[in-house]
Amino acid sequence: MDRFEKVYSQGVIDIMEIWVDRETGINYLWRQKGNSGGLTPLLNENGQPVITKQYSVNK
């Protein structure tokens, strides 16, 4: 569990969270509603993954 860090969370039943991969800096959006959920990379306006510089390999 050390590789990923939850940086944002909202909701109780209808949950949205943002997780950052500490090795690559890539941000992921986790969406859960009831018993269903899904994970996807968070993308910027150009379709590129959002990268948190603090964790980026290419600092």
N, C-alpha and C. Protein backbone atom coordinates (compact mmCIF):
# COMPACT_ATOMS: atom_id res chain seq x y z
N MET A 1 0.82 -1.20 0.00
CA MET A 1 0.00 0.00 0.00
C MET A 1 0.86 1.26 0.00
N ASP A 2 2.16 1.12 0.06
CA ASP A 2 3.03 2.30 0.07
C ASP A 2 3.18 2.97 -1.29
N ARG A 3 2.85 2.24 -2.36
CA ARG A 3 3.05 2.81 -3.69
C ARG A 3 2.02 3.89 -4.02
N PHE A 4 0.79 3.77 -3.52
CA PHE A 4 -0.26 4.72 -3.86
C PHE A 4 -0.66 5.55 -2.65
N GLU A 5 -0.96 6.82 -2.90
CA GLU A 5 -1.40 7.73 -1.84
C GLU A 5 -2.73 8.36 -2.24
N LYS A 6 -3.71 8.27 -1.35
CA LYS A 6 -5.00 8.92 -1.60
C LYS A 6 -4.84 10.40 -1.26
N VAL A 7 -5.09 11.27 -2.25
CA VAL A 7 -4.90 12.71 -2.04
C VAL A 7 -6.22 13.48 -2.00
N TYR A 8 -7.33 12.82 -2.38
CA TYR A 8 -8.63 13.50 -2.38
C TYR A 8 -9.71 12.45 -2.23
N SER A 9 -10.76 12.79 -1.48
CA SER A 9 -11.89 11.88 -1.32
C SER A 9 -13.16 12.69 -1.06
N GLN A 10 -14.26 12.27 -1.68
CA GLN A 10 -15.56 12.88 -1.40
C GLN A 10 -16.64 11.81 -1.50
N GLY A 11 -17.66 11.95 -0.68
CA GLY A 11 -18.80 11.05 -0.72
C GLY A 11 -18.68 9.89 0.25
N VAL A 12 -19.84 9.24 0.47
CA VAL A 12 -19.91 8.08 1.35
C VAL A 12 -20.42 6.87 0.57
N ILE A 13 -21.57 7.02 -0.09
CA ILE A 13 -22.12 5.94 -0.90
C ILE A 13 -21.68 6.14 -2.36
N ASP A 14 -21.71 7.36 -2.81
CA ASP A 14 -21.26 7.73 -4.15
C ASP A 14 -19.87 8.34 -3.98
N ILE A 15 -18.83 7.53 -4.14
CA ILE A 15 -17.46 7.92 -3.76
C ILE A 15 -16.62 8.27 -4.99
N MET A 16 -15.87 9.36 -4.88
CA MET A 16 -14.85 9.70 -5.86
C MET A 16 -13.57 9.98 -5.09
N GLU A 17 -12.46 9.36 -5.55
CA GLU A 17 -11.17 9.56 -4.91
C GLU A 17 -10.11 9.76 -5.98
N ILE A 18 -9.08 10.52 -5.62
CA ILE A 18 -7.91 10.65 -6.49
C ILE A 18 -6.74 10.02 -5.76
N TRP A 19 -6.06 9.12 -6.47
CA TRP A 19 -4.89 8.40 -5.95
C TRP A 19 -3.69 8.76 -6.80
N VAL A 20 -2.52 8.90 -6.17
CA VAL A 20 -1.28 9.20 -6.89
C VAL A 20 -0.33 8.01 -6.75
N ASP A 21 0.20 7.57 -7.87
CA ASP A 21 1.23 6.54 -7.89
C ASP A 21 2.54 7.21 -7.50
N ARG A 22 3.10 6.84 -6.37
CA ARG A 22 4.32 7.48 -5.86
C ARG A 22 5.55 7.21 -6.73
N GLU A 23 5.52 6.17 -7.54
CA GLU A 23 6.67 5.87 -8.39
C GLU A 23 6.66 6.66 -9.70
N THR A 24 5.48 6.90 -10.26
CA THR A 24 5.39 7.59 -11.55
C THR A 24 4.81 8.99 -11.44
N GLY A 25 4.09 9.29 -10.36
CA GLY A 25 3.43 10.58 -10.20
C GLY A 25 2.09 10.67 -10.89
N ILE A 26 1.67 9.61 -11.61
CA ILE A 26 0.40 9.63 -12.34
C ILE A 26 -0.78 9.60 -11.37
N ASN A 27 -1.77 10.45 -11.65
CA ASN A 27 -2.99 10.54 -10.84
C ASN A 27 -4.07 9.65 -11.43
N TYR A 28 -4.81 8.96 -10.56
CA TYR A 28 -5.90 8.08 -10.98
C TYR A 28 -7.18 8.50 -10.28
N LEU A 29 -8.29 8.39 -10.99
CA LEU A 29 -9.61 8.66 -10.43
C LEU A 29 -10.29 7.34 -10.14
N TRP A 30 -10.69 7.15 -8.89
CA TRP A 30 -11.45 5.97 -8.46
C TRP A 30 -12.88 6.43 -8.24
N ARG A 31 -13.84 5.78 -8.87
CA ARG A 31 -15.26 6.11 -8.72
C ARG A 31 -15.98 4.86 -8.24
N GLN A 32 -16.75 4.99 -7.17
CA GLN A 32 -17.51 3.85 -6.65
C GLN A 32 -18.91 4.31 -6.31
N LYS A 33 -19.89 3.50 -6.71
CA LYS A 33 -21.28 3.75 -6.36
C LYS A 33 -21.90 2.41 -6.02
N GLY A 34 -22.24 2.23 -4.75
CA GLY A 34 -22.77 0.94 -4.31
C GLY A 34 -21.71 -0.13 -4.41
N ASN A 35 -22.05 -1.22 -5.11
CA ASN A 35 -21.12 -2.34 -5.26
C ASN A 35 -20.27 -2.26 -6.53
N SER A 36 -20.40 -1.19 -7.30
CA SER A 36 -19.65 -1.05 -8.55
C SER A 36 -18.60 0.03 -8.42
N GLY A 37 -17.50 -0.14 -9.14
CA GLY A 37 -16.45 0.87 -9.10
C GLY A 37 -15.55 0.76 -10.30
N GLY A 38 -14.74 1.79 -10.51
CA GLY A 38 -13.81 1.77 -11.63
C GLY A 38 -12.66 2.73 -11.39
N LEU A 39 -11.54 2.44 -12.03
CA LEU A 39 -10.31 3.22 -11.90
C LEU A 39 -9.85 3.64 -13.29
N THR A 40 -9.45 4.90 -13.44
CA THR A 40 -8.96 5.39 -14.72
C THR A 40 -7.91 6.45 -14.46
N PRO A 41 -6.92 6.60 -15.36
CA PRO A 41 -5.97 7.69 -15.19
C PRO A 41 -6.68 9.02 -15.38
N LEU A 42 -6.29 10.00 -14.61
CA LEU A 42 -6.83 11.35 -14.73
C LEU A 42 -6.08 12.04 -15.87
N LEU A 43 -6.80 12.61 -16.84
CA LEU A 43 -6.17 13.20 -18.02
C LEU A 43 -6.34 14.72 -18.03
N ASN A 44 -5.35 15.41 -18.61
CA ASN A 44 -5.44 16.86 -18.76
C ASN A 44 -6.17 17.21 -20.06
N GLU A 45 -6.22 18.47 -20.40
CA GLU A 45 -6.97 18.92 -21.58
C GLU A 45 -6.37 18.41 -22.89
N ASN A 46 -5.11 17.96 -22.88
CA ASN A 46 -4.46 17.43 -24.08
C ASN A 46 -4.51 15.91 -24.15
N GLY A 47 -5.20 15.27 -23.20
CA GLY A 47 -5.30 13.82 -23.19
C GLY A 47 -4.11 13.11 -22.57
N GLN A 48 -3.21 13.88 -21.96
CA GLN A 48 -2.04 13.32 -21.29
C GLN A 48 -2.37 13.07 -19.81
N PRO A 49 -1.74 12.07 -19.18
CA PRO A 49 -2.00 11.82 -17.76
C PRO A 49 -1.57 13.01 -16.89
N VAL A 50 -2.36 13.29 -15.87
CA VAL A 50 -1.99 14.32 -14.90
C VAL A 50 -0.90 13.72 -14.02
N ILE A 51 0.24 14.43 -13.91
CA ILE A 51 1.37 13.93 -13.14
C ILE A 51 1.67 14.92 -12.01
N THR A 52 1.74 14.40 -10.79
CA THR A 52 2.13 15.21 -9.64
C THR A 52 3.65 15.24 -9.62
N LYS A 53 4.21 16.42 -9.83
CA LYS A 53 5.67 16.59 -9.96
C LYS A 53 6.44 16.07 -8.75
N GLN A 54 5.85 16.19 -7.57
CA GLN A 54 6.49 15.75 -6.33
C GLN A 54 6.94 14.29 -6.43
N TYR A 55 6.18 13.45 -7.15
CA TYR A 55 6.49 12.03 -7.26
C TYR A 55 7.07 11.65 -8.62
N SER A 56 7.08 12.59 -9.55
CA SER A 56 7.49 12.29 -10.92
C SER A 56 8.93 11.78 -10.97
N VAL A 57 9.15 10.77 -11.82
CA VAL A 57 10.50 10.23 -12.02
C VAL A 57 11.37 11.24 -12.75
N ASN A 58 10.74 12.06 -13.60
CA ASN A 58 11.47 13.05 -14.41
C ASN A 58 11.41 14.43 -13.77
N LYS A 59 11.67 14.55 -12.50
CA LYS A 59 11.57 15.84 -11.78
C LYS A 59 12.42 16.91 -12.41
